[in-house]
PDB file of N, CA and C in Angstrom:
ATOM      1  N   ASP A   1       0.827  -1.195   0.003  1.00  0.00           N
ATOM      2  CA  ASP A   1       0.000  -0.006   0.004  1.00  0.00           C
ATOM      3  C   ASP A   1       0.863   1.251  -0.009  1.00  0.00           C
ATOM      4  N   GLU A   2       0.229   2.411  -0.020  1.00  0.00           N
ATOM      5  CA  GLU A   2       0.971   3.663  -0.169  1.00  0.00           C
ATOM      6  C   GLU A   2       1.803   4.026   1.060  1.00  0.00           C
ATOM      7  N   LYS A   3       1.511   3.449   2.243  1.00  0.00           N
ATOM      8  CA  LYS A   3       2.278   3.761   3.454  1.00  0.00           C
ATOM      9  C   LYS A   3       3.475   2.837   3.644  1.00  0.00           C
ATOM     10  N   GLY A   4       3.605   1.842   2.832  1.00  0.00           N
ATOM     11  CA  GLY A   4       4.766   0.968   2.897  1.00  0.00           C
ATOM     12  C   GLY A   4       4.572  -0.255   3.757  1.00  0.00           C
ATOM     13  N   PHE A   5       3.395  -0.440   4.325  1.00  0.00           N
ATOM     14  CA  PHE A   5       3.164  -1.638   5.135  1.00  0.00           C
ATOM     15  C   PHE A   5       3.156  -2.862   4.242  1.00  0.00           C
ATOM     16  N   GLY A   6       3.878  -3.872   4.659  1.00  0.00           N
ATOM     17  CA  GLY A   6       3.925  -5.098   3.901  1.00  0.00           C
ATOM     18  C   GLY A   6       5.042  -5.124   2.862  1.00  0.00           C
ATOM     19  N   SER A   7       5.731  -3.998   2.685  1.00  0.00           N
ATOM     20  CA  SER A   7       6.812  -3.989   1.715  1.00  0.00           C
ATOM     21  C   SER A   7       8.105  -4.519   2.353  1.00  0.00           C
ATOM     22  N   VAL A   8       9.046  -4.855   1.538  1.00  0.00           N
ATOM     23  CA  VAL A   8      10.327  -5.387   1.994  1.00  0.00           C
ATOM     24  C   VAL A   8      11.251  -4.237   2.351  1.00  0.00           C
ATOM     25  N   ASP A   9      11.886  -4.320   3.503  1.00  0.00           N
ATOM     26  CA  ASP A   9      12.826  -3.275   3.935  1.00  0.00           C
ATOM     27  C   ASP A   9      14.147  -3.477   3.210  1.00  0.00           C
ATOM     28  N   PRO A  10      14.556  -2.528   2.385  1.00  0.00           N
ATOM     29  CA  PRO A  10      15.810  -2.707   1.627  1.00  0.00           C
ATOM     30  C   PRO A  10      17.062  -2.646   2.496  1.00  0.00           C
ATOM     31  N   TYR A  11      16.960  -2.111   3.706  1.00  0.00           N
ATOM     32  CA  TYR A  11      18.128  -1.958   4.578  1.00  0.00           C
ATOM     33  C   TYR A  11      18.250  -3.055   5.626  1.00  0.00           C
ATOM     34  N   LYS A  12      17.285  -3.952   5.672  1.00  0.00           N
ATOM     35  CA  LYS A  12      17.272  -4.982   6.720  1.00  0.00           C
ATOM     36  C   LYS A  12      18.527  -5.843   6.708  1.00  0.00           C
ATOM     37  N   ASP A  13      18.916  -6.376   5.569  1.00  0.00           N
ATOM     38  CA  ASP A  13      20.103  -7.227   5.489  1.00  0.00           C
ATOM     39  C   ASP A  13      21.362  -6.476   5.914  1.00  0.00           C
ATOM     40  N   TYR A  14      21.489  -5.239   5.484  1.00  0.00           N
ATOM     41  CA  TYR A  14      22.667  -4.455   5.848  1.00  0.00           C
ATOM     42  C   TYR A  14      22.707  -4.176   7.341  1.00  0.00           C
ATOM     43  N   LEU A  15      21.573  -3.773   7.906  1.00  0.00           N
ATOM     44  CA  LEU A  15      21.515  -3.472   9.329  1.00  0.00           C
ATOM     45  C   LEU A  15      21.800  -4.716  10.182  1.00  0.00           C
ATOM     46  N   LEU A  16      21.296  -5.858   9.773  1.00  0.00           N
ATOM     47  CA  LEU A  16      21.578  -7.097  10.492  1.00  0.00           C
ATOM     48  C   LEU A  16      23.055  -7.472  10.373  1.00  0.00           C
ATOM     49  N   HIS A  17      23.666  -7.142   9.242  1.00  0.00           N
ATOM     50  CA  HIS A  17      25.051  -7.440   9.014  1.00  0.00           C
ATOM     51  C   HIS A  17      25.986  -6.619   9.927  1.00  0.00           C
ATOM     52  N   ILE A  18      25.664  -5.326  10.130  1.00  0.00           N
ATOM     53  CA  ILE A  18      26.543  -4.472  10.927  1.00  0.00           C
ATOM     54  C   ILE A  18      26.194  -4.462  12.414  1.00  0.00           C
ATOM     55  N   ALA A  19      25.102  -5.069  12.782  1.00  0.00           N
ATOM     56  CA  ALA A  19      24.680  -5.067  14.178  1.00  0.00           C
ATOM     57  C   ALA A  19      25.717  -5.806  15.023  1.00  0.00           C
ATOM     58  N   ARG A  20      26.037  -5.236  16.182  1.00  0.00           N
ATOM     59  CA  ARG A  20      26.985  -5.884  17.093  1.00  0.00           C
ATOM     60  C   ARG A  20      26.285  -7.008  17.836  1.00  0.00           C
ATOM     61  N   PRO A  21      26.916  -8.148  17.932  1.00  0.00           N
ATOM     62  CA  PRO A  21      26.283  -9.245  18.693  1.00  0.00           C
ATOM     63  C   PRO A  21      26.287  -8.918  20.185  1.00  0.00           C
ATOM     64  N   LYS A  22      25.350  -9.472  20.899  1.00  0.00           N
ATOM     65  CA  LYS A  22      25.304  -9.288  22.343  1.00  0.00           C
ATOM     66  C   LYS A  22      26.524  -9.935  22.965  1.00  0.00           C
ATOM     67  N   PRO A  23      27.053  -9.314  24.036  1.00  0.00           N
ATOM     68  CA  PRO A  23      28.198  -9.952  24.684  1.00  0.00           C
ATOM     69  C   PRO A  23      27.777 -11.295  25.278  1.00  0.00           C
ATOM     70  N   SER A  24      28.694 -12.227  25.267  1.00  0.00           N
ATOM     71  CA  SER A  24      28.360 -13.547  25.793  1.00  0.00           C
ATOM     72  C   SER A  24      28.152 -13.475  27.302  1.00  0.00           C
ATOM     73  N   GLN A  25      27.285 -14.323  27.797  1.00  0.00           N
ATOM     74  CA  GLN A  25      27.003 -14.375  29.221  1.00  0.00           C
ATOM     75  C   GLN A  25      28.199 -14.972  29.941  1.00  0.00           C
ATOM     76  N   ILE A  26      28.487 -14.458  31.115  1.00  0.00           N
ATOM     77  CA  ILE A  26      29.578 -14.961  31.922  1.00  0.00           C
ATOM     78  C   ILE A  26      28.973 -15.823  33.029  1.00  0.00           C
ATOM     79  N   ASP A  27      29.459 -17.045  33.117  1.00  0.00           N
ATOM     80  CA  ASP A  27      28.972 -17.943  34.151  1.00  0.00           C
ATOM     81  C   ASP A  27      29.700 -17.655  35.455  1.00  0.00           C
ATOM     82  N   LEU A  28      28.996 -17.066  36.414  1.00  0.00           N
ATOM     83  CA  LEU A  28      29.567 -16.763  37.711  1.00  0.00           C
ATOM     84  C   LEU A  28      29.030 -17.728  38.759  1.00  0.00           C
ATOM     85  N   VAL A  29      29.906 -18.116  39.655  1.00  0.00           N
ATOM     86  CA  VAL A  29      29.515 -18.951  40.792  1.00  0.00           C
ATOM     87  C   VAL A  29      28.754 -18.066  41.758  1.00  0.00           C
ATOM     88  N   PRO A  30      27.720 -18.564  42.434  1.00  0.00           N
ATOM     89  CA  PRO A  30      27.017 -17.733  43.420  1.00  0.00           C
ATOM     90  C   PRO A  30      27.980 -17.172  44.473  1.00  0.00           C
ATOM     91  N   GLU A  31      27.685 -15.959  44.923  1.00  0.00           N
ATOM     92  CA  GLU A  31      28.569 -15.225  45.808  1.00  0.00           C
ATOM     93  C   GLU A  31      28.925 -15.979  47.092  1.00  0.00           C
ATOM     94  N   ALA A  32      27.911 -16.559  47.761  1.00  0.00           N
ATOM     95  CA  ALA A  32      28.143 -17.278  49.008  1.00  0.00           C
ATOM     96  C   ALA A  32      29.060 -18.490  48.801  1.00  0.00           C
ATOM     97  N   GLN A  33      28.832 -19.191  47.726  1.00  0.00           N
ATOM     98  CA  GLN A  33      29.668 -20.353  47.403  1.00  0.00           C
ATOM     99  C   GLN A  33      31.105 -19.910  47.102  1.00  0.00           C
ATOM    100  N   TRP A  34      31.268 -18.823  46.373  1.00  0.00           N
ATOM    101  CA  TRP A  34      32.603 -18.310  46.037  1.00  0.00           C
ATOM    102  C   TRP A  34      33.352 -17.900  47.300  1.00  0.00           C
ATOM    103  N   LEU A  35      32.633 -17.233  48.228  1.00  0.00           N
ATOM    104  CA  LEU A  35      33.259 -16.834  49.484  1.00  0.00           C
ATOM    105  C   LEU A  35      33.695 -18.047  50.297  1.00  0.00           C
ATOM    106  N   GLN A  36      32.866 -19.074  50.297  1.00  0.00           N
ATOM    107  CA  GLN A  36      33.194 -20.278  51.053  1.00  0.00           C
ATOM    108  C   GLN A  36      34.425 -20.968  50.479  1.00  0.00           C
ATOM    109  N   GLU A  37      34.529 -21.028  49.175  1.00  0.00           N
ATOM    110  CA  GLU A  37      35.649 -21.713  48.528  1.00  0.00           C
ATOM    111  C   GLU A  37      36.920 -20.868  48.492  1.00  0.00           C
ATOM    112  N   ASN A  38      36.781 -19.548  48.345  1.00  0.00           N
ATOM    113  CA  ASN A  38      37.945 -18.678  48.142  1.00  0.00           C
ATOM    114  C   ASN A  38      38.034 -17.536  49.134  1.00  0.00           C
ATOM    115  N   GLY A  39      37.319 -17.620  50.246  1.00  0.00           N
ATOM    116  CA  GLY A  39      37.205 -16.514  51.185  1.00  0.00           C
ATOM    117  C   GLY A  39      38.531 -15.999  51.710  1.00  0.00           C
ATOM    118  N   GLY A  40      38.457 -14.865  52.390  1.00  0.00           N
ATOM    119  CA  GLY A  40      39.653 -14.257  52.965  1.00  0.00           C
ATOM    120  C   GLY A  40      40.150 -13.107  52.133  1.00  0.00           C
ATOM    121  N   ALA A  41      41.220 -12.510  52.612  1.00  0.00           N
ATOM    122  CA  ALA A  41      41.816 -11.371  51.914  1.00  0.00           C
ATOM    123  C   ALA A  41      42.701 -11.855  50.777  1.00  0.00           C
ATOM    124  N   LYS A  42      42.643 -11.171  49.684  1.00  0.00           N
ATOM    125  CA  LYS A  42      43.447 -11.458  48.502  1.00  0.00           C
ATOM    126  C   LYS A  42      44.153 -10.188  48.091  1.00  0.00           C
ATOM    127  N   GLU A  43      45.263 -10.336  47.413  1.00  0.00           N
ATOM    128  CA  GLU A  43      46.016  -9.182  46.930  1.00  0.00           C
ATOM    129  C   GLU A  43      45.602  -8.896  45.487  1.00  0.00           C
ATOM    130  N   PHE A  44      45.296  -7.632  45.226  1.00  0.00           N
ATOM    131  CA  PHE A  44      44.869  -7.212  43.896  1.00  0.00           C
ATOM    132  C   PHE A  44      45.858  -6.204  43.323  1.00  0.00           C
ATOM    133  N   LEU A  45      46.127  -6.305  42.043  1.00  0.00           N
ATOM    134  CA  LEU A  45      46.960  -5.368  41.316  1.00  0.00           C
ATOM    135  C   LEU A  45      46.002  -4.501  40.492  1.00  0.00           C
ATOM    136  N   ILE A  46      45.950  -3.215  40.821  1.00  0.00           N
ATOM    137  CA  ILE A  46      44.981  -2.312  40.199  1.00  0.00           C
ATOM    138  C   ILE A  46      45.721  -1.311  39.312  1.00  0.00           C
ATOM    139  N   ASP A  47      45.250  -1.202  38.049  1.00  0.00           N
ATOM    140  CA  ASP A  47      45.803  -0.250  37.094  1.00  0.00           C
ATOM    141  C   ASP A  47      45.303   1.145  37.461  1.00  0.00           C
ATOM    142  N   VAL A  48      46.214   2.045  37.791  1.00  0.00           N
ATOM    143  CA  VAL A  48      45.845   3.406  38.159  1.00  0.00           C
ATOM    144  C   VAL A  48      46.443   4.438  37.207  1.00  0.00           C
ATOM    145  N   THR A  49      46.617   4.059  35.949  1.00  0.00           N
ATOM    146  CA  THR A  49      47.184   4.982  34.970  1.00  0.00           C
ATOM    147  C   THR A  49      46.255   6.178  34.726  1.00  0.00           C
ATOM    148  N   ALA A  50      44.996   6.062  35.105  1.00  0.00           N
ATOM    149  CA  ALA A  50      44.059   7.178  34.957  1.00  0.00           C
ATOM    150  C   ALA A  50      44.300   8.255  36.028  1.00  0.00           C
ATOM    151  N   PHE A  51      45.134   7.930  37.026  1.00  0.00           N
ATOM    152  CA  PHE A  51      45.434   8.866  38.106  1.00  0.00           C
ATOM    153  C   PHE A  51      46.925   9.229  38.065  1.00  0.00           C
ATOM    154  N   PRO A  52      47.339  10.128  37.180  1.00  0.00           N
ATOM    155  CA  PRO A  52      48.758  10.456  37.062  1.00  0.00           C
ATOM    156  C   PRO A  52      49.334  11.058  38.355  1.00  0.00           C
ATOM    157  N   SER A  53      48.490  11.590  39.215  1.00  0.00           N
ATOM    158  CA  SER A  53      48.974  12.177  40.479  1.00  0.00           C
ATOM    159  C   SER A  53      49.604  11.117  41.398  1.00  0.00           C
ATOM    160  N   LEU A  54      49.259   9.840  41.193  1.00  0.00           N
ATOM    161  CA  LEU A  54      49.825   8.792  42.028  1.00  0.00           C
ATOM    162  C   LEU A  54      51.283   8.502  41.662  1.00  0.00           C
ATOM    163  N   GLY A  55      51.660   8.741  40.413  1.00  0.00           N
ATOM    164  CA  GLY A  55      53.032   8.564  39.995  1.00  0.00           C
ATOM    165  C   GLY A  55      53.446   7.141  39.686  1.00  0.00           C
ATOM    166  N   VAL A  56      52.522   6.196  39.767  1.00  0.00           N
ATOM    167  CA  VAL A  56      52.828   4.786  39.455  1.00  0.00           C
ATOM    168  C   VAL A  56      51.721   4.240  38.566  1.00  0.00           C
ATOM    169  N   PRO A  57      52.035   3.263  37.715  1.00  0.00           N
ATOM    170  CA  PRO A  57      50.990   2.709  36.846  1.00  0.00           C
ATOM    171  C   PRO A  57      50.080   1.705  37.547  1.00  0.00           C
ATOM    172  N   TYR A  58      50.590   1.012  38.573  1.00  0.00           N
ATOM    173  CA  TYR A  58      49.799  -0.009  39.282  1.00  0.00           C
ATOM    174  C   TYR A  58      50.017   0.117  40.769  1.00  0.00           C
ATOM    175  N   ILE A  59      49.003  -0.295  41.542  1.00  0.00           N
ATOM    176  CA  ILE A  59      49.179  -0.402  42.987  1.00  0.00           C
ATOM    177  C   ILE A  59      48.658  -1.760  43.429  1.00  0.00           C
ATOM    178  N   ARG A  60      49.259  -2.283  44.500  1.00  0.00           N
ATOM    179  CA  ARG A  60      48.824  -3.535  45.093  1.00  0.00           C
ATOM    180  C   ARG A  60      48.046  -3.227  46.362  1.00  0.00           C
ATOM    181  N   ILE A  61      46.862  -3.811  46.450  1.00  0.00           N
ATOM    182  CA  ILE A  61      46.005  -3.595  47.624  1.00  0.00           C
ATOM    183  C   ILE A  61      45.486  -4.952  48.077  1.00  0.00           C
ATOM    184  N   ALA A  62      45.559  -5.208  49.371  1.00  0.00           N
ATOM    185  CA  ALA A  62      44.973  -6.426  49.944  1.00  0.00           C
ATOM    186  C   ALA A  62      43.529  -6.115  50.309  1.00  0.00           C
ATOM    187  N   LEU A  63      42.608  -6.884  49.759  1.00  0.00           N
ATOM    188  CA  LEU A  63      41.179  -6.661  49.984  1.00  0.00           C
ATOM    189  C   LEU A  63      40.480  -7.970  50.324  1.00  0.00           C
ATOM    190  N   ASP A  64      39.520  -7.881  51.214  1.00  0.00           N
ATOM    191  CA  ASP A  64      38.693  -9.030  51.530  1.00  0.00           C
ATOM    192  C   ASP A  64      37.657  -9.178  50.421  1.00  0.00           C
ATOM    193  N   LEU A  65      37.381 -10.410  50.024  1.00  0.00           N
ATOM    194  CA  LEU A  65      36.436 -10.647  48.912  1.00  0.00           C
ATOM    195  C   LEU A  65      35.014 -10.232  49.254  1.00  0.00           C
ATOM    196  N   SER A  66      34.712 -10.029  50.546  1.00  0.00           N
ATOM    197  CA  SER A  66      33.364  -9.607  50.921  1.00  0.00           C
ATOM    198  C   SER A  66      33.205  -8.087  50.845  1.00  0.00           C
ATOM    199  N   LYS A  67      34.267  -7.348  50.501  1.00  0.00           N
ATOM    200  CA  LYS A  67      34.194  -5.900  50.364  1.00  0.00           C
ATOM    201  C   LYS A  67      33.441  -5.519  49.098  1.00  0.00           C
ATOM    202  N   THR A  68      32.705  -4.420  49.194  1.00  0.00           N
ATOM    203  CA  THR A  68      31.982  -3.945  48.009  1.00  0.00           C
ATOM    204  C   THR A  68      32.912  -3.129  47.122  1.00  0.00           C
ATOM    205  N   ILE A  69      32.458  -2.902  45.912  1.00  0.00           N
ATOM    206  CA  ILE A  69      33.222  -2.088  44.963  1.00  0.00           C
ATOM    207  C   ILE A  69      33.352  -0.663  45.498  1.00  0.00           C
ATOM    208  N   ALA A  70      32.312  -0.174  46.194  1.00  0.00           N
ATOM    209  CA  ALA A  70      32.377   1.148  46.806  1.00  0.00           C
ATOM    210  C   ALA A  70      33.510   1.225  47.815  1.00  0.00           C
ATOM    211  N   ALA A  71      33.737   0.141  48.578  1.00  0.00           N
ATOM    212  CA  ALA A  71      34.846   0.099  49.535  1.00  0.00           C
ATOM    213  C   ALA A  71      36.190   0.128  48.813  1.00  0.00           C
ATOM    214  N   VAL A  72      36.262  -0.495  47.653  1.00  0.00           N
ATOM    215  CA  VAL A  72      37.493  -0.463  46.859  1.00  0.00           C
ATOM    216  C   VAL A  72      37.764   0.975  46.408  1.00  0.00           C
ATOM    217  N   LYS A  73      36.709   1.674  45.988  1.00  0.00           N
ATOM    218  CA  LYS A  73      36.863   3.062  45.568  1.00  0.00           C
ATOM    219  C   LYS A  73      37.317   3.935  46.748  1.00  0.00           C
ATOM    220  N   GLU A  74      36.805   3.675  47.938  1.00  0.00           N
ATOM    221  CA  GLU A  74      37.234   4.407  49.133  1.00  0.00           C
ATOM    222  C   GLU A  74      38.727   4.164  49.385  1.00  0.00           C
ATOM    223  N   LYS A  75      39.135   2.925  49.229  1.00  0.00           N
ATOM    224  CA  LYS A  75      40.554   2.563  49.422  1.00  0.00           C
ATOM    225  C   LYS A  75      41.422   3.310  48.407  1.00  0.00           C
ATOM    226  N   LEU A  76      40.974   3.389  47.162  1.00  0.00           N
ATOM    227  CA  LEU A  76      41.729   4.133  46.147  1.00  0.00           C
ATOM    228  C   LEU A  76      41.790   5.623  46.495  1.00  0.00           C
ATOM    229  N   ALA A  77      40.703   6.157  47.016  1.00  0.00           N
ATOM    230  CA  ALA A  77      40.690   7.566  47.428  1.00  0.00           C
ATOM    231  C   ALA A  77      41.662   7.780  48.585  1.00  0.00           C
ATOM    232  N   ASP A  78      41.744   6.811  49.509  1.00  0.00           N
ATOM    233  CA  ASP A  78      42.691   6.918  50.631  1.00  0.00           C
ATOM    234  C   ASP A  78      44.130   6.898  50.154  1.00  0.00           C
ATOM    235  N   VAL A  79      44.396   6.147  49.090  1.00  0.00           N
ATOM    236  CA  VAL A  79      45.747   6.052  48.542  1.00  0.00           C
ATOM    237  C   VAL A  79      46.145   7.354  47.845  1.00  0.00           C
ATOM    238  N   GLY A  80      45.155   8.100  47.350  1.00  0.00           N
ATOM    239  CA  GLY A  80      45.478   9.380  46.745  1.00  0.00           C
ATOM    240  C   GLY A  80      44.888   9.606  45.373  1.00  0.00           C
ATOM    241  N   ALA A  81      43.929   8.784  44.977  1.00  0.00           N
ATOM    242  CA  ALA A  81      43.277   8.989  43.675  1.00  0.00           C
ATOM    243  C   ALA A  81      42.429  10.252  43.764  1.00  0.00           C
ATOM    244  N   MET A  82      42.796  11.272  42.985  1.00  0.00           N
ATOM    245  CA  MET A  82      42.131  12.583  43.064  1.00  0.00           C
ATOM    246  C   MET A  82      40.915  12.645  42.153  1.00  0.00           C
ATOM    247  N   LEU A  83      39.963  11.801  42.400  1.00  0.00           N
ATOM    248  CA  LEU A  83      38.729  11.797  41.611  1.00  0.00           C
ATOM    249  C   LEU A  83      37.591  11.462  42.582  1.00  0.00           C
ATOM    250  N   PRO A  84      36.504  12.200  42.540  1.00  0.00           N
ATOM    251  CA  PRO A  84      35.389  11.872  43.437  1.00  0.00           C
ATOM    252  C   PRO A  84      34.913  10.450  43.212  1.00  0.00           C
ATOM    253  N   MET A  85      34.553   9.776  44.304  1.00  0.00           N
ATOM    254  CA  MET A  85      34.142   8.375  44.191  1.00  0.00           C
ATOM    255  C   MET A  85      32.954   8.210  43.247  1.00  0.00           C
ATOM    256  N   ALA A  86      32.079   9.188  43.201  1.00  0.00           N
ATOM    257  CA  ALA A  86      30.918   9.086  42.314  1.00  0.00           C
ATOM    258  C   ALA A  86      31.316   9.078  40.843  1.00  0.00           C
ATOM    259  N   LYS A  87      32.483   9.625  40.526  1.00  0.00           N
ATOM    260  CA  LYS A  87      32.926   9.657  39.124  1.00  0.00           C
ATOM    261  C   LYS A  87      33.870   8.514  38.767  1.00  0.00           C
ATOM    262  N   MET A  88      34.337   7.782  39.793  1.00  0.00           N
ATOM    263  CA  MET A  88      35.208   6.628  39.511  1.00  0.00           C
ATOM    264  C   MET A  88      34.381   5.513  38.923  1.00  0.00           C
ATOM    265  N   ARG A  89      34.918   4.904  37.873  1.00  0.00           N
ATOM    266  CA  ARG A  89      34.269   3.742  37.269  1.00  0.00           C
ATOM    267  C   ARG A  89      35.327   2.668  37.128  1.00  0.00           C
ATOM    268  N   LEU A  90      35.156   1.597  37.852  1.00  0.00           N
ATOM    269  CA  LEU A  90      36.123   0.512  37.797  1.00  0.00           C
ATOM    270  C   LEU A  90      35.662  -0.499  36.751  1.00  0.00           C
ATOM    271  N   LYS A  91      36.627  -0.993  35.988  1.00  0.00           N
ATOM    272  CA  LYS A  91      36.295  -1.902  34.905  1.00  0.00           C
ATOM    273  C   LYS A  91      37.231  -3.109  34.955  1.00  0.00           C
ATOM    274  N   GLU A  92      36.664  -4.255  34.719  1.00  0.00           N
ATOM    275  CA  GLU A  92      37.427  -5.489  34.645  1.00  0.00           C
ATOM    276  C   GLU A  92      37.183  -6.072  33.269  1.00  0.00           C
ATOM    277  N   ALA A  93      38.216  -6.573  32.610  1.00  0.00           N
ATOM    278  CA  ALA A  93      38.114  -6.988  31.207  1.00  0.00           C
ATOM    279  C   ALA A  93      37.052  -8.061  30.979  1.00  0.00           C
ATOM    280  N   ARG A  94      36.942  -9.001  31.871  1.00  0.00           N
ATOM    281  CA  ARG A  94      36.030 -10.131  31.681  1.00  0.00           C
ATOM    282  C   ARG A  94      34.583  -9.767  31.971  1.00  0.00           C
ATOM    283  N   VAL A  95      34.357  -8.873  32.928  1.00  0.00           N
ATOM    284  CA  VAL A  95      33.016  -8.572  33.410  1.00  0.00           C
ATOM    285  C   VAL A  95      32.488  -7.234  32.914  1.00  0.00           C
ATOM    286  N   GLY A  96      33.372  -6.288  32.669  1.00  0.00           N
ATOM    287  CA  GLY A  96      32.954  -4.940  32.275  1.00  0.00           C
ATOM    288  C   GLY A  96      32.995  -3.998  33.465  1.00  0.00           C
ATOM    289  N   PHE A  97      32.124  -2.995  33.468  1.00  0.00           N
ATOM    290  CA  PHE A  97      32.096  -2.025  34.563  1.00  0.00           C
ATOM    291  C   PHE A  97      31.483  -2.657  35.804  1.00  0.00           C
ATOM    292  N   LEU A  98      32.089  -2.344  36.962  1.00  0.00           N
ATOM    293  CA  LEU A  98      31.674  -2.927  38.231  1.00  0.00           C
ATOM    294  C   LEU A  98      30.701  -2.015  38.947  1.00  0.00           C
ATOM    295  N   ARG A  99      29.661  -2.583  39.525  1.00  0.00           N
ATOM    296  CA  ARG A  99      28.643  -1.806  40.236  1.00  0.00           C
ATOM    297  C   ARG A  99      29.036  -1.649  41.688  1.00  0.00           C
ATOM    298  N   ASP A 100      28.811  -0.474  42.245  1.00  0.00           N
ATOM    299  CA  ASP A 100      29.245  -0.147  43.610  1.00  0.00           C
ATOM    300  C   ASP A 100      28.692  -1.075  44.675  1.00  0.00           C
ATOM    301  N   GLU A 101      27.460  -1.528  44.524  1.00  0.00           N
ATOM    302  CA  GLU A 101      26.843  -2.311  45.585  1.00  0.00           C
ATOM    303  C   GLU A 101      27.220  -3.789  45.559  1.00  0.00           C
ATOM    304  N   ARG A 102      27.894  -4.232  44.541  1.00  0.00           N
ATOM    305  CA  ARG A 102      28.311  -5.638  44.427  1.00  0.00           C
ATOM    306  C   ARG A 102      29.642  -5.849  45.162  1.00  0.00           C
ATOM    307  N   THR A 103      29.880  -7.097  45.554  1.00  0.00           N
ATOM    308  CA  THR A 103      31.126  -7.419  46.245  1.00  0.00           C
ATOM    309  C   THR A 103      32.127  -8.020  45.254  1.00  0.00           C
ATOM    310  N   LEU A 104      33.366  -8.117  45.713  1.00  0.00           N
ATOM    311  CA  LEU A 104      34.393  -8.745  44.872  1.00  0.00           C
ATOM    312  C   LEU A 104      34.058 -10.210  44.663  1.00  0.00           C
ATOM    313  N   ALA A 105      33.451 -10.855  45.646  1.00  0.00           N
ATOM    314  CA  ALA A 105      33.061 -12.272  45.516  1.00  0.00           C
ATOM    315  C   ALA A 105      31.951 -12.441  44.488  1.00  0.00           C
ATOM    316  N   PHE A 106      31.059 -11.449  44.367  1.00  0.00           N
ATOM    317  CA  PHE A 106      29.980 -11.545  43.382  1.00  0.00           C
ATOM    318  C   PHE A 106      30.571 -11.699  41.973  1.00  0.00           C
ATOM    319  N   TYR A 107      31.674 -10.974  41.714  1.00  0.00           N
ATOM    320  CA  TYR A 107      32.311 -11.038  40.400  1.00  0.00           C
ATOM    321  C   TYR A 107      33.321 -12.182  40.305  1.00  0.00           C
ATOM    322  N   ASN A 108      33.423 -13.021  41.320  1.00  0.00           N
ATOM    323  CA  ASN A 108      34.311 -14.185  41.336  1.00  0.00           C
ATOM    324  C   ASN A 108      35.785 -13.792  41.147  1.00  0.00           C
ATOM    325  N   PHE A 109      36.218 -12.727  41.792  1.00  0.00           N
ATOM    326  CA  PHE A 109      37.609 -12.330  41.720  1.00  0.00           C
ATOM    327  C   PHE A 109      38.460 -13.235  42.595  1.00  0.00           C
ATOM    328  N   LYS A 110      39.635 -13.569  42.099  1.00  0.00           N
ATOM    329  CA  LYS A 110      40.554 -14.432  42.838  1.00  0.00           C
ATOM    330  C   LYS A 110      41.747 -13.650  43.376  1.00  0.00           C
ATOM    331  N   GLY A 111      41.905 -12.427  42.969  1.00  0.00           N
ATOM    332  CA  GLY A 111      43.081 -11.663  43.358  1.00  0.00           C
ATOM    333  C   GLY A 111      44.093 -11.720  42.208  1.00  0.00           C
ATOM    334  N   GLY A 112      45.124 -10.899  42.337  1.00  0.00           N
ATOM    335  CA  GLY A 112      46.165 -10.905  41.324  1.00  0.00           C
ATOM    336  C   GLY A 112      46.178  -9.672  40.494  1.00  0.00           C
TER     337      GLY A 112
END
């Protein structure tokens, strides 16, 4: 008809071709189980190249796996990261950006 209903979309194949696939799901162990198996404090190596005021590319911090990401941001602020905690965004290659209310055990971090 004159409004185009029922006609073939000439751009459909192209748009489907360039569409980015959804990221694959990451299988995470439940938080309580992860804490039971790997609990305790672990040492983490954190890339701080975004904070040139620190003068080093990486810092080592010992953190308990039950700590939240917000607590990690507080620790970074204590070390001297000159960025408000609300603007800090921590990212891990396998999981992506980390949410403040989640714990390190939720993301199945082992340290390192």
